[in-house]
Amino acid sequence: MPLIYRGSSPIYNRSVARGWESKAVEQQLEAREAEPASGSVLSPEEISRRKRRETLRLARRQVLQQLELARHPRHRQMLESALADLDSQLARET
């Protein structure tokens, strides 16, 4: 596939870039909605709690993805145990 140049740099799949950019914008909007009003200042403890909750949510999402692909019963059991542990930690955090 020939490259198209504008100036000194090539232009790559613009349609792919637009798709990626729209997802990035969507994530930024979700993050902004989760933030408190612009006038409020969070305490260091609240910032720490929010980071911890987000870390737990991301870890849970990763375990769920691995669980979807896991085939070996012991691996599935380990992932289910990890998921239960993450759920209990999330319950304590909220």
Protein backbone atom coordinates (compact mmCIF):
# COMPACT_ATOMS: atom_id res chain seq x y z
CA MET A 1 0.00 0.00 0.00
CA PRO A 2 1.54 3.31 -1.02
CA LEU A 3 2.07 5.96 1.60
CA ILE A 4 0.58 9.38 1.11
CA TYR A 5 2.74 12.23 2.29
CA ARG A 6 1.62 15.58 3.60
CA GLY A 7 4.60 17.77 4.28
CA SER A 8 7.45 15.56 5.42
CA SER A 9 5.48 12.88 7.30
CA PRO A 10 3.36 10.05 5.88
CA ILE A 11 -0.38 9.84 6.56
CA TYR A 12 -1.45 6.43 7.83
CA ASN A 13 -4.92 4.90 8.11
CA ARG A 14 -6.94 7.89 9.12
CA SER A 15 -10.07 5.77 9.67
CA VAL A 16 -8.25 3.64 12.24
CA ALA A 17 -6.92 6.73 13.96
CA ARG A 18 -10.39 8.23 14.13
CA GLY A 19 -11.74 5.07 15.75
CA TRP A 20 -8.98 5.08 18.33
CA GLU A 21 -9.43 8.79 18.98
CA SER A 22 -13.18 8.42 19.51
CA LYS A 23 -12.57 5.70 22.10
CA ALA A 24 -10.01 7.89 23.85
CA VAL A 25 -12.46 10.79 23.90
CA GLU A 26 -15.17 8.51 25.27
CA GLN A 27 -12.87 7.35 28.08
CA GLN A 28 -11.94 10.94 28.89
CA LEU A 29 -15.61 11.91 29.11
CA GLU A 30 -16.32 8.99 31.43
CA ALA A 31 -13.37 9.94 33.62
CA ARG A 32 -14.52 13.55 33.74
CA GLU A 33 -18.04 12.47 34.80
CA ALA A 34 -16.56 10.39 37.61
CA GLU A 35 -14.60 13.37 38.94
CA PRO A 36 -16.13 15.68 41.54
CA ALA A 37 -17.32 19.17 40.71
CA SER A 38 -14.51 21.43 39.58
CA GLY A 39 -14.75 23.61 42.69
CA SER A 40 -14.17 20.81 45.22
CA VAL A 41 -10.73 19.69 46.32
CA LEU A 42 -10.17 16.07 47.28
CA SER A 43 -8.25 15.10 50.36
CA PRO A 44 -5.19 12.88 49.94
CA GLU A 45 -7.14 10.05 51.60
CA GLU A 46 -10.01 10.38 49.08
CA ILE A 47 -7.57 10.44 46.17
CA SER A 48 -5.94 7.30 47.53
CA ARG A 49 -9.33 5.57 47.97
CA ARG A 50 -10.37 6.43 44.42
CA LYS A 51 -7.09 5.15 42.98
CA ARG A 52 -7.45 1.95 44.97
CA ARG A 53 -11.02 1.40 43.75
CA GLU A 54 -9.98 2.02 40.15
CA THR A 55 -7.06 -0.40 40.52
CA LEU A 56 -9.43 -3.05 41.91
CA ARG A 57 -11.91 -2.47 39.06
CA LEU A 58 -9.17 -2.84 36.46
CA ALA A 59 -7.85 -5.99 38.12
CA ARG A 60 -11.38 -7.42 38.20
CA ARG A 61 -11.86 -6.69 34.51
CA GLN A 62 -8.57 -8.41 33.71
CA VAL A 63 -9.50 -11.50 35.75
CA LEU A 64 -12.87 -11.67 33.97
CA GLN A 65 -11.14 -11.55 30.58
CA GLN A 66 -8.77 -14.33 31.63
CA LEU A 67 -11.68 -16.36 32.97
CA GLU A 68 -13.44 -16.18 29.61
CA LEU A 69 -10.40 -17.80 27.96
CA ALA A 70 -9.43 -20.28 30.68
CA ARG A 71 -10.06 -23.93 29.87
CA HIS A 72 -8.22 -25.86 32.58
CA PRO A 73 -10.42 -26.47 35.66
CA ARG A 74 -7.70 -25.56 38.16
CA HIS A 75 -6.88 -22.33 36.33
CA ARG A 76 -10.59 -21.44 36.26
CA GLN A 77 -10.84 -22.21 39.98
CA MET A 78 -7.89 -19.95 40.73
CA LEU A 79 -9.40 -17.12 38.66
CA GLU A 80 -12.82 -17.54 40.30
CA SER A 81 -11.15 -17.33 43.70
CA ALA A 82 -9.28 -14.18 42.65
CA LEU A 83 -12.54 -12.69 41.35
CA ALA A 84 -14.31 -13.39 44.65
CA ASP A 85 -11.43 -11.79 46.54
CA LEU A 86 -11.53 -8.69 44.33
CA ASP A 87 -15.30 -8.44 44.76
CA SER A 88 -14.95 -8.56 48.55
CA GLN A 89 -12.23 -5.89 48.46
CA LEU A 90 -14.41 -3.69 46.27
CA ALA A 91 -17.34 -4.16 48.66
CA ARG A 92 -15.15 -3.01 51.56
CA GLU A 93 -13.92 0.02 49.60
CA THR A 94 -17.38 1.42 48.85
